[in-house]
N, C-alpha and C. Protein backbone atom coordinates (compact mmCIF):
# COMPACT_ATOMS: atom_id res chain seq x y z
N UNK A 1 -7.56 7.39 38.64
CA UNK A 1 -6.68 6.47 38.43
C UNK A 1 -7.14 5.04 38.45
N UNK A 2 -6.86 4.20 37.70
CA UNK A 2 -7.51 2.84 37.97
C UNK A 2 -7.15 2.17 39.24
N UNK A 3 -7.75 1.23 39.68
CA UNK A 3 -7.74 0.54 41.09
C UNK A 3 -7.65 -0.81 40.61
N UNK A 4 -6.99 -1.60 41.43
CA UNK A 4 -6.89 -3.07 41.35
C UNK A 4 -8.30 -3.73 41.89
N UNK A 5 -8.70 -4.51 41.09
CA UNK A 5 -10.10 -5.15 41.53
C UNK A 5 -10.00 -5.86 42.82
N UNK A 6 -10.63 -5.68 43.84
CA UNK A 6 -10.47 -6.58 44.82
C UNK A 6 -10.25 -5.46 46.19
N UNK A 7 -10.29 -5.79 47.36
CA UNK A 7 -10.20 -5.19 48.45
C UNK A 7 -8.92 -4.41 48.72
N UNK A 8 -8.94 -3.02 48.89
CA UNK A 8 -7.72 -2.19 49.25
C UNK A 8 -7.10 -2.94 50.32
N UNK A 9 -5.63 -2.79 50.40
CA UNK A 9 -5.04 -3.40 51.42
C UNK A 9 -3.87 -2.48 51.79
N UNK A 10 -3.40 -2.53 53.09
CA UNK A 10 -2.55 -1.64 53.55
C UNK A 10 -1.38 -2.72 54.47
N UNK A 11 -0.11 -2.50 54.33
CA UNK A 11 0.83 -3.16 55.22
C UNK A 11 1.43 -2.00 56.28
N UNK A 12 1.19 -2.16 57.44
CA UNK A 12 1.97 -1.35 58.42
C UNK A 12 2.51 -2.12 59.34
N UNK A 13 3.66 -1.54 60.13
CA UNK A 13 4.11 -1.96 61.44
C UNK A 13 3.26 -1.89 62.53
N UNK A 14 3.65 -2.74 63.41
CA UNK A 14 2.76 -2.66 64.87
C UNK A 14 3.58 -1.58 65.43
N UNK A 15 2.76 -0.37 65.52
CA UNK A 15 3.48 0.78 66.08
C UNK A 15 3.37 0.85 67.44
N UNK A 16 4.28 1.50 68.18
CA UNK A 16 4.38 1.49 69.79
C UNK A 16 4.32 2.83 70.07
N UNK A 17 4.50 3.77 68.91
CA UNK A 17 4.74 5.32 69.05
C UNK A 17 3.99 5.85 67.96
N UNK A 18 3.43 7.02 68.49
CA UNK A 18 2.48 8.00 67.48
C UNK A 18 3.08 9.32 67.59
N UNK A 19 3.86 9.69 66.51
CA UNK A 19 4.35 11.01 66.74
C UNK A 19 5.62 10.96 67.66
N UNK A 20 5.55 11.90 68.65
CA UNK A 20 6.73 11.98 69.66
C UNK A 20 6.61 11.14 70.94
N UNK A 21 5.34 10.79 71.31
CA UNK A 21 5.01 10.19 72.65
C UNK A 21 4.60 8.60 72.55
N UNK A 22 4.92 7.93 73.38
CA UNK A 22 4.64 6.49 73.36
C UNK A 22 2.93 6.48 73.44
N UNK A 23 2.66 5.53 72.54
CA UNK A 23 1.01 5.42 72.43
C UNK A 23 0.53 4.81 73.71
N UNK A 24 -0.70 5.31 74.32
CA UNK A 24 -1.46 4.75 75.26
C UNK A 24 -1.99 3.46 74.68
N UNK A 25 -2.07 2.40 75.54
CA UNK A 25 -2.81 1.08 75.24
C UNK A 25 -4.32 1.31 74.91
N UNK A 26 -4.64 1.23 73.88
CA UNK A 26 -6.03 1.39 73.72
C UNK A 26 -6.74 0.19 73.07
N UNK A 27 -5.87 -0.92 72.82
CA UNK A 27 -6.41 -2.18 72.51
C UNK A 27 -6.05 -3.36 73.59
N UNK A 28 -6.86 -4.34 73.42
CA UNK A 28 -6.33 -5.48 74.06
C UNK A 28 -4.98 -5.88 73.56
N UNK A 29 -4.01 -6.55 74.37
CA UNK A 29 -2.78 -7.08 73.84
C UNK A 29 -2.74 -8.18 72.84
N UNK A 30 -3.95 -8.92 72.83
CA UNK A 30 -4.22 -10.03 71.89
C UNK A 30 -4.99 -9.40 70.48
N UNK A 31 -5.09 -8.04 70.50
CA UNK A 31 -5.75 -7.38 69.38
C UNK A 31 -4.89 -6.61 68.66
N UNK A 32 -3.56 -6.87 67.93
CA UNK A 32 -2.85 -6.03 67.40
C UNK A 32 -3.29 -5.06 66.33
N UNK A 33 -4.27 -5.46 65.45
CA UNK A 33 -4.94 -4.83 64.40
C UNK A 33 -5.86 -3.87 64.73
N UNK A 34 -6.19 -3.61 65.95
CA UNK A 34 -7.18 -2.71 66.51
C UNK A 34 -7.06 -1.30 65.99
N UNK A 35 -5.87 -0.75 65.94
CA UNK A 35 -5.45 0.64 65.69
C UNK A 35 -6.04 0.85 64.45
N UNK A 36 -6.60 2.07 64.17
CA UNK A 36 -6.85 2.62 62.99
C UNK A 36 -8.36 1.81 62.46
N UNK A 37 -9.19 1.43 63.17
CA UNK A 37 -10.29 0.88 62.57
C UNK A 37 -11.01 1.81 62.01
N UNK A 38 -11.14 3.02 62.61
CA UNK A 38 -12.01 4.00 61.89
C UNK A 38 -11.40 4.62 60.63
N UNK A 39 -10.20 4.53 60.62
CA UNK A 39 -9.73 4.76 59.17
C UNK A 39 -9.83 4.01 58.21
N UNK A 40 -9.75 2.65 58.66
CA UNK A 40 -10.08 1.67 57.57
C UNK A 40 -11.21 1.54 57.19
N UNK A 41 -12.29 1.88 58.05
CA UNK A 41 -13.74 2.01 57.63
C UNK A 41 -13.87 3.04 56.64
N UNK A 42 -13.27 4.28 56.92
CA UNK A 42 -13.39 5.42 56.30
C UNK A 42 -13.05 5.04 54.56
N UNK A 43 -11.78 4.63 54.61
CA UNK A 43 -11.12 4.13 53.12
C UNK A 43 -11.87 2.97 52.72
N UNK A 44 -12.65 2.31 53.26
CA UNK A 44 -13.30 0.79 52.77
C UNK A 44 -12.33 -0.17 52.77
N UNK A 45 -11.15 0.04 53.43
CA UNK A 45 -10.15 -1.10 53.41
C UNK A 45 -10.60 -2.31 54.43
N UNK A 46 -10.69 -3.63 54.01
CA UNK A 46 -11.51 -4.66 54.47
C UNK A 46 -10.37 -5.62 55.25
N UNK A 47 -9.05 -5.34 55.04
CA UNK A 47 -8.04 -6.10 55.89
C UNK A 47 -6.68 -5.15 55.89
N UNK A 48 -6.01 -5.37 56.98
CA UNK A 48 -4.57 -4.88 57.16
C UNK A 48 -3.67 -5.96 57.78
N UNK A 49 -2.59 -6.20 57.22
CA UNK A 49 -1.61 -6.95 57.56
C UNK A 49 -0.59 -6.32 58.43
N UNK A 50 -0.70 -6.60 59.64
CA UNK A 50 0.00 -6.15 60.75
C UNK A 50 1.41 -6.70 61.16
N UNK A 51 2.52 -6.02 60.50
CA UNK A 51 3.68 -6.64 60.57
C UNK A 51 4.56 -6.47 62.11
N UNK A 52 5.07 -7.23 62.65
CA UNK A 52 5.71 -7.04 63.94
C UNK A 52 7.00 -6.25 63.90
N UNK A 53 7.34 -5.29 63.39
CA UNK A 53 8.69 -4.60 63.14
C UNK A 53 8.55 -3.43 64.16
N UNK A 54 9.88 -3.01 64.63
CA UNK A 54 10.01 -2.04 65.65
C UNK A 54 9.57 -0.86 65.18
N UNK A 55 8.62 -0.02 65.61
CA UNK A 55 8.23 1.23 65.23
C UNK A 55 9.50 2.13 65.73
N UNK A 56 9.58 3.19 64.68
CA UNK A 56 10.69 4.17 64.96
C UNK A 56 12.04 3.50 64.57
N UNK A 57 12.06 2.33 64.43
CA UNK A 57 13.50 1.57 63.92
C UNK A 57 13.32 0.56 62.83
N UNK A 58 12.21 0.77 61.84
CA UNK A 58 12.17 0.14 60.82
C UNK A 58 13.24 -0.33 59.86
N UNK A 59 14.41 0.69 59.82
CA UNK A 59 15.58 0.23 59.07
C UNK A 59 15.99 -1.06 59.54
N UNK A 60 15.91 -1.35 60.75
CA UNK A 60 16.49 -2.79 61.17
C UNK A 60 15.74 -3.98 60.70
N UNK A 61 14.54 -3.67 59.93
CA UNK A 61 13.86 -4.76 59.33
C UNK A 61 13.62 -4.67 57.92
N UNK A 62 14.44 -3.90 57.22
CA UNK A 62 14.27 -3.78 55.79
C UNK A 62 14.20 -4.78 55.04
N UNK A 63 14.96 -5.89 55.20
CA UNK A 63 14.89 -7.24 54.46
C UNK A 63 13.26 -7.85 54.79
N UNK A 64 12.96 -8.04 55.83
CA UNK A 64 11.73 -8.66 56.23
C UNK A 64 10.57 -7.73 55.72
N UNK A 65 10.56 -6.47 55.64
CA UNK A 65 9.73 -5.72 54.99
C UNK A 65 9.50 -5.64 53.69
N UNK A 66 10.68 -5.89 52.75
CA UNK A 66 10.81 -5.98 51.41
C UNK A 66 10.27 -7.23 50.89
N UNK A 67 10.51 -8.33 51.94
CA UNK A 67 9.78 -9.55 51.36
C UNK A 67 8.30 -9.41 51.68
N UNK A 68 7.86 -8.84 52.73
CA UNK A 68 6.37 -8.74 53.10
C UNK A 68 5.64 -7.98 52.05
N UNK A 69 6.39 -6.97 51.47
CA UNK A 69 5.66 -5.95 50.35
C UNK A 69 5.78 -6.91 48.87
N UNK A 70 6.75 -7.68 48.90
CA UNK A 70 7.07 -8.40 47.44
C UNK A 70 5.73 -9.16 47.64
N UNK A 71 5.54 -10.04 48.78
CA UNK A 71 4.42 -11.01 48.72
C UNK A 71 3.16 -10.23 48.64
N UNK A 72 2.91 -9.25 49.15
CA UNK A 72 1.62 -8.27 48.92
C UNK A 72 1.58 -7.81 47.53
N UNK A 73 2.68 -7.45 46.72
CA UNK A 73 2.41 -7.12 45.43
C UNK A 73 2.23 -8.39 44.49
N UNK A 74 2.67 -9.49 44.78
CA UNK A 74 2.53 -10.61 43.89
C UNK A 74 0.99 -11.11 44.12
N UNK A 75 0.52 -10.94 45.44
CA UNK A 75 -0.82 -11.36 45.72
C UNK A 75 -2.00 -10.38 45.32
N UNK A 76 -1.65 -9.18 45.07
CA UNK A 76 -2.67 -8.08 44.87
C UNK A 76 -2.45 -7.48 43.30
N UNK A 77 -1.14 -7.60 42.82
CA UNK A 77 -0.92 -7.13 41.56
C UNK A 77 -1.54 -5.74 41.33
N UNK A 78 -1.11 -4.61 42.20
CA UNK A 78 -1.88 -3.44 41.86
C UNK A 78 -1.26 -2.89 40.29
N UNK A 79 -2.01 -1.74 40.15
CA UNK A 79 -1.45 -1.29 38.92
C UNK A 79 -0.38 -0.04 39.12
N UNK A 80 -0.48 0.38 40.33
CA UNK A 80 0.55 1.42 40.64
C UNK A 80 1.02 1.15 42.12
N UNK A 81 2.12 1.20 42.26
CA UNK A 81 2.80 1.07 43.63
C UNK A 81 3.01 2.57 44.33
N UNK A 82 2.47 2.99 45.50
CA UNK A 82 2.72 4.30 46.22
C UNK A 82 3.50 3.83 47.09
N UNK A 83 4.58 4.81 47.54
CA UNK A 83 5.43 4.58 48.70
C UNK A 83 5.73 6.08 49.40
N UNK A 84 6.39 6.06 50.17
CA UNK A 84 6.97 7.38 50.83
C UNK A 84 8.19 7.77 49.75
N UNK A 85 8.39 9.08 50.06
CA UNK A 85 9.75 9.66 49.35
C UNK A 85 11.02 9.20 49.87
N UNK A 86 11.94 9.21 49.31
CA UNK A 86 13.18 9.00 49.94
C UNK A 86 13.66 10.38 50.80
N UNK A 87 12.93 11.46 50.18
CA UNK A 87 13.22 12.72 50.79
C UNK A 87 12.25 13.09 51.95
N UNK A 88 12.39 12.43 52.97
CA UNK A 88 11.54 12.49 54.19
C UNK A 88 12.47 12.46 55.41
N UNK A 89 12.12 13.52 56.27
CA UNK A 89 12.71 13.44 57.52
C UNK A 89 12.51 12.35 58.62
N UNK A 90 11.64 11.47 58.37
CA UNK A 90 11.12 10.40 59.40
C UNK A 90 11.93 9.20 58.99
N UNK A 91 12.57 8.60 59.85
CA UNK A 91 13.35 7.48 59.58
C UNK A 91 12.65 6.30 59.09
N UNK A 92 11.57 6.06 59.63
CA UNK A 92 10.65 4.88 59.20
C UNK A 92 10.02 5.04 57.82
N UNK A 93 9.90 6.37 57.44
CA UNK A 93 9.34 6.41 56.01
C UNK A 93 10.50 6.14 55.24
N UNK A 94 11.67 6.50 55.41
CA UNK A 94 12.86 6.37 54.36
C UNK A 94 13.10 4.90 54.36
N UNK A 95 12.94 4.07 55.48
CA UNK A 95 13.11 2.62 55.44
C UNK A 95 11.97 1.95 54.62
N UNK A 96 10.84 2.49 54.76
CA UNK A 96 9.65 1.92 53.86
C UNK A 96 9.91 2.08 52.38
N UNK A 97 10.47 3.22 52.01
CA UNK A 97 10.72 3.73 50.80
C UNK A 97 11.84 2.72 50.10
N UNK A 98 12.68 2.43 51.04
CA UNK A 98 13.98 1.69 50.39
C UNK A 98 13.37 0.17 50.36
N UNK A 99 12.70 -0.27 51.26
CA UNK A 99 12.17 -1.65 51.12
C UNK A 99 10.99 -1.84 50.00
N UNK A 100 10.15 -0.87 49.63
CA UNK A 100 9.17 -0.80 48.74
C UNK A 100 9.89 -0.78 47.36
N UNK A 101 11.11 0.01 46.95
CA UNK A 101 11.72 0.09 46.01
C UNK A 101 12.42 -1.26 45.51
N UNK A 102 13.05 -2.02 46.60
CA UNK A 102 13.39 -3.42 46.54
C UNK A 102 12.44 -4.36 46.13
N UNK A 103 11.18 -4.34 46.72
CA UNK A 103 10.20 -5.26 46.31
C UNK A 103 9.59 -4.92 45.01
N UNK A 104 9.50 -3.80 44.77
CA UNK A 104 8.91 -3.38 43.33
C UNK A 104 9.65 -2.94 42.25
N UNK A 105 10.87 -3.64 42.28
CA UNK A 105 12.00 -3.33 41.22
C UNK A 105 11.53 -3.74 40.11
N UNK A 106 10.59 -4.52 39.70
CA UNK A 106 10.16 -5.29 38.51
C UNK A 106 8.71 -4.64 37.99
N UNK A 107 8.17 -3.58 38.95
CA UNK A 107 6.88 -3.16 38.84
C UNK A 107 7.02 -1.73 37.82
N UNK A 108 6.21 -1.74 36.91
CA UNK A 108 6.22 -0.87 35.85
C UNK A 108 5.80 0.79 36.38
N UNK A 109 4.83 0.70 37.43
CA UNK A 109 4.52 2.21 37.89
C UNK A 109 4.72 2.13 39.37
N UNK A 110 5.72 3.10 39.86
CA UNK A 110 5.89 3.33 41.23
C UNK A 110 6.27 4.97 41.66
N UNK A 111 5.05 5.52 42.38
CA UNK A 111 5.03 6.84 42.65
C UNK A 111 5.50 6.87 44.20
N UNK A 112 6.03 8.20 44.47
CA UNK A 112 6.24 8.56 45.89
C UNK A 112 5.29 9.52 46.18
N UNK A 113 4.80 9.43 47.20
CA UNK A 113 3.69 10.54 47.65
C UNK A 113 4.49 11.55 48.62
N UNK A 114 3.62 12.77 48.91
CA UNK A 114 4.10 13.51 49.83
C UNK A 114 3.43 13.43 51.32
N UNK A 115 4.37 13.26 52.12
CA UNK A 115 3.93 13.12 53.63
C UNK A 115 4.18 14.47 54.24
N UNK A 116 3.50 14.63 55.23
CA UNK A 116 4.01 15.98 56.21
C UNK A 116 5.33 16.08 56.44
N UNK A 117 6.07 15.07 56.61
CA UNK A 117 7.50 15.02 56.84
C UNK A 117 8.55 15.19 55.68
N UNK A 118 8.20 15.47 54.42
CA UNK A 118 9.04 15.35 53.51
C UNK A 118 9.96 16.57 53.68
N UNK A 119 10.97 16.30 52.79
CA UNK A 119 12.23 17.56 53.06
C UNK A 119 11.83 18.53 51.95
N UNK A 120 12.60 19.45 51.91
CA UNK A 120 12.52 20.65 50.81
C UNK A 120 13.04 19.96 49.35
N UNK A 121 13.75 18.72 49.48
CA UNK A 121 14.22 18.14 48.10
C UNK A 121 13.12 17.40 47.47
N UNK A 122 11.79 17.27 48.00
CA UNK A 122 10.81 16.70 47.49
C UNK A 122 10.53 17.39 46.30
N UNK A 123 10.32 16.84 45.09
CA UNK A 123 10.16 17.46 43.93
C UNK A 123 9.21 16.81 42.91
N UNK A 124 8.11 16.80 43.31
CA UNK A 124 7.07 16.23 42.38
C UNK A 124 6.93 16.44 40.96
N UNK A 125 6.79 15.43 40.10
CA UNK A 125 6.69 15.71 38.66
C UNK A 125 5.36 15.17 37.85
N UNK A 126 4.87 14.28 38.94
CA UNK A 126 3.48 13.84 38.30
C UNK A 126 2.36 14.26 39.29
N UNK A 127 1.31 14.98 38.68
CA UNK A 127 0.16 15.58 39.37
C UNK A 127 -1.02 15.11 39.22
N UNK A 128 -1.79 14.90 40.22
CA UNK A 128 -3.22 14.23 40.05
C UNK A 128 -4.26 15.47 40.47
N UNK A 129 -5.05 15.80 39.71
CA UNK A 129 -6.01 16.76 39.95
C UNK A 129 -7.08 16.05 41.14
N UNK A 130 -7.24 16.60 42.42
CA UNK A 130 -7.83 15.98 43.46
C UNK A 130 -9.05 16.94 43.70
N UNK A 131 -9.40 17.72 42.89
CA UNK A 131 -10.50 18.91 43.21
C UNK A 131 -11.82 18.26 43.64
N UNK A 132 -12.02 16.91 42.95
CA UNK A 132 -13.45 16.25 43.14
C UNK A 132 -13.34 15.50 44.61
N UNK A 133 -12.22 15.48 45.00
CA UNK A 133 -11.83 14.54 46.14
C UNK A 133 -11.15 15.31 47.44
N UNK A 134 -11.20 16.64 47.47
CA UNK A 134 -10.47 17.27 48.36
C UNK A 134 -11.36 16.99 49.67
N UNK A 135 -12.56 17.24 49.64
CA UNK A 135 -13.28 17.10 50.84
C UNK A 135 -12.99 15.82 51.55
N UNK A 136 -13.04 14.62 50.74
CA UNK A 136 -12.82 13.39 51.20
C UNK A 136 -11.37 13.34 51.87
N UNK A 137 -10.36 13.96 51.18
CA UNK A 137 -9.02 13.80 51.61
C UNK A 137 -9.06 14.71 53.04
N UNK A 138 -9.63 15.64 53.23
CA UNK A 138 -9.70 16.40 54.58
C UNK A 138 -10.36 15.47 55.40
N UNK A 139 -11.40 14.90 55.36
CA UNK A 139 -12.26 13.90 56.12
C UNK A 139 -11.36 12.85 56.45
N UNK A 140 -10.49 12.27 55.32
CA UNK A 140 -9.48 11.22 55.74
C UNK A 140 -8.19 11.57 56.81
N UNK A 141 -8.03 12.68 56.49
CA UNK A 141 -6.92 13.31 57.62
C UNK A 141 -7.43 13.41 58.92
N UNK A 142 -8.75 13.72 59.04
CA UNK A 142 -9.42 14.07 60.24
C UNK A 142 -9.59 12.82 61.14
N UNK A 143 -9.67 11.63 60.56
CA UNK A 143 -9.89 10.39 61.15
C UNK A 143 -8.52 9.77 61.94
N UNK A 144 -7.39 10.51 61.72
CA UNK A 144 -5.96 10.04 62.50
C UNK A 144 -6.08 10.87 63.78
N UNK A 145 -6.84 10.21 64.46
CA UNK A 145 -7.07 10.89 66.06
C UNK A 145 -5.86 10.99 66.71
N UNK A 146 -4.98 9.90 66.73
CA UNK A 146 -3.67 10.04 67.29
C UNK A 146 -2.66 10.98 67.00
N UNK A 147 -2.93 11.63 65.65
CA UNK A 147 -2.01 12.59 65.19
C UNK A 147 -2.88 14.02 65.17
N UNK A 148 -3.90 13.83 65.61
CA UNK A 148 -4.84 15.26 65.59
C UNK A 148 -4.23 16.70 66.05
N UNK A 149 -3.12 16.39 67.06
CA UNK A 149 -2.55 17.73 67.58
C UNK A 149 -1.36 18.28 66.59
N UNK A 150 -1.04 17.45 65.64
CA UNK A 150 -0.05 17.77 64.86
C UNK A 150 -0.49 19.06 63.82
N UNK A 151 0.48 20.12 63.79
CA UNK A 151 0.02 21.12 62.95
C UNK A 151 -0.21 20.86 61.54
N UNK A 152 0.50 19.88 60.93
CA UNK A 152 0.47 19.63 59.62
C UNK A 152 -0.79 18.68 59.37
N UNK A 153 -1.49 18.61 60.07
CA UNK A 153 -2.84 17.69 59.88
C UNK A 153 -4.13 18.73 59.89
N UNK A 154 -3.66 20.02 60.20
CA UNK A 154 -4.75 20.96 60.24
C UNK A 154 -5.56 21.07 58.94
N UNK A 155 -6.77 21.03 59.07
CA UNK A 155 -7.57 21.30 57.57
C UNK A 155 -6.94 22.37 56.72
N UNK A 156 -7.01 23.53 57.30
CA UNK A 156 -6.38 24.57 56.39
C UNK A 156 -4.98 24.21 55.82
N UNK A 157 -3.96 23.63 56.32
CA UNK A 157 -2.67 23.47 55.95
C UNK A 157 -2.99 22.14 54.87
N UNK A 158 -3.80 21.14 54.90
CA UNK A 158 -4.28 20.18 54.03
C UNK A 158 -4.69 20.89 52.65
N UNK A 159 -5.68 21.76 52.93
CA UNK A 159 -6.05 22.38 51.69
C UNK A 159 -5.20 23.16 51.09
N UNK A 160 -4.24 23.89 51.95
CA UNK A 160 -3.09 24.74 51.22
C UNK A 160 -2.16 24.24 50.35
N UNK A 161 -1.60 22.97 50.86
CA UNK A 161 -0.92 22.09 50.06
C UNK A 161 -1.47 21.68 48.91
N UNK A 162 -2.58 21.42 48.81
CA UNK A 162 -3.38 20.82 47.75
C UNK A 162 -3.49 22.06 46.69
N UNK A 163 -3.73 23.34 47.11
CA UNK A 163 -4.01 24.30 46.36
C UNK A 163 -2.52 24.72 45.78
N UNK A 164 -1.33 24.50 46.60
CA UNK A 164 -0.07 24.89 46.05
C UNK A 164 0.27 23.89 44.91
N UNK A 165 0.03 22.70 45.14
CA UNK A 165 0.54 21.51 44.10
C UNK A 165 -0.66 21.86 43.04
N UNK A 166 -1.90 22.12 43.33
CA UNK A 166 -2.64 22.58 42.24
C UNK A 166 -2.38 23.57 41.33
N UNK A 167 -1.65 24.55 42.08
CA UNK A 167 -0.97 25.78 41.09
C UNK A 167 0.17 25.20 40.20
N UNK A 168 1.12 24.29 40.74
CA UNK A 168 1.92 23.74 39.90
C UNK A 168 1.50 22.99 38.71
N UNK A 169 0.29 22.33 38.98
CA UNK A 169 -0.32 21.43 37.97
C UNK A 169 -1.29 22.26 36.97
N UNK A 170 -1.51 23.57 37.32
CA UNK A 170 -2.55 24.13 36.53
C UNK A 170 -3.99 23.71 36.63
N UNK A 171 -4.19 23.28 37.92
CA UNK A 171 -5.82 22.95 38.22
C UNK A 171 -5.92 23.57 39.67
N UNK A 172 -7.01 23.47 40.06
CA UNK A 172 -7.40 24.11 41.75
C UNK A 172 -6.56 23.36 42.63
N UNK A 173 -6.75 22.10 42.47
CA UNK A 173 -6.06 21.25 43.63
C UNK A 173 -5.66 20.00 43.30
N UNK A 174 -4.28 19.67 43.67
CA UNK A 174 -3.80 18.48 43.23
C UNK A 174 -2.99 17.90 44.29
N UNK A 175 -2.72 16.52 43.91
CA UNK A 175 -1.52 15.83 44.76
C UNK A 175 -0.02 15.72 43.82
N UNK A 176 0.92 15.81 44.64
CA UNK A 176 1.98 15.65 43.61
C UNK A 176 2.96 14.50 44.08
N UNK A 177 3.48 13.88 43.10
CA UNK A 177 4.13 12.69 43.30
C UNK A 177 5.65 12.72 42.62
N UNK A 178 6.38 12.12 43.27
CA UNK A 178 7.61 11.74 42.54
C UNK A 178 7.67 10.29 42.01
N UNK A 179 8.21 10.47 40.51
CA UNK A 179 8.10 9.28 39.83
C UNK A 179 9.38 8.66 39.78
N UNK A 180 9.24 7.37 40.26
CA UNK A 180 10.24 6.35 40.18
C UNK A 180 10.08 5.83 38.79
N UNK A 181 9.02 5.37 38.52
CA UNK A 181 8.67 4.73 37.10
C UNK A 181 7.24 5.12 36.76
N UNK A 182 6.95 5.71 35.43
CA UNK A 182 5.74 5.84 35.17
C UNK A 182 5.34 5.58 33.70
N UNK A 183 4.77 4.48 33.37
CA UNK A 183 4.73 4.14 31.85
C UNK A 183 3.69 5.07 31.31
N UNK A 184 3.82 5.33 29.79
CA UNK A 184 3.06 6.22 29.34
C UNK A 184 1.65 6.02 29.33
N UNK A 185 1.15 5.11 29.36
CA UNK A 185 -0.28 4.72 29.36
C UNK A 185 -0.91 4.59 30.80
N UNK A 186 -0.28 5.33 31.86
CA UNK A 186 -0.60 5.17 33.13
C UNK A 186 -2.09 5.46 33.51
N UNK A 187 -2.41 6.55 32.73
CA UNK A 187 -3.90 7.16 32.97
C UNK A 187 -4.62 6.80 31.58
N UNK A 188 -5.95 6.28 31.87
CA UNK A 188 -6.62 6.06 30.61
C UNK A 188 -7.59 7.36 30.47
N UNK A 189 -8.22 7.34 29.37
CA UNK A 189 -8.96 8.52 29.11
C UNK A 189 -10.13 8.50 30.24
N UNK A 190 -10.36 9.76 30.70
CA UNK A 190 -11.41 9.79 31.78
C UNK A 190 -10.88 9.57 32.99
N UNK A 191 -9.60 9.36 33.44
CA UNK A 191 -9.00 8.96 34.65
C UNK A 191 -8.14 10.04 35.19
N UNK A 192 -8.29 11.25 34.50
CA UNK A 192 -7.29 12.42 35.06
C UNK A 192 -8.34 13.17 36.08
């Protein structure tokens, strides 16, 4: 897939929780962006905008999130906007989905990705062959140290989901996305 020229960027809330338990203080109070440094290095992300919204209660900040996402979309002008699915058990994921759809209401390409907490209602219609990137995906999941005890981050499960989605796409390994909007020329020759 095409990438926007420039540094990758991610918006995230200033989380106080990871999974089911309060997160231990691993950073200085004056350094809220410290969380996820290893993940950022792995992905080549050069900056992260940390929003001061209440972790596990993002629905209470939907307007502010939508405004922040809108500013980021205007600033970075991505080819494709990726967000959580509406079919997700996690309340923050649903709130981010709603805020992103509001902010990206005029964007031509919006895809919803599969997180470990999607419900059975998640029905992907767009598939991307990730065979060449599967090992990198497994490595990227492994750097989420604060989530490593979660069974859904086990390497075997990550590979199994990719194989299952690959079967649906008629390739060895794939990622599945729900399409909000997908213009016909989304993929250029050689980008598949």
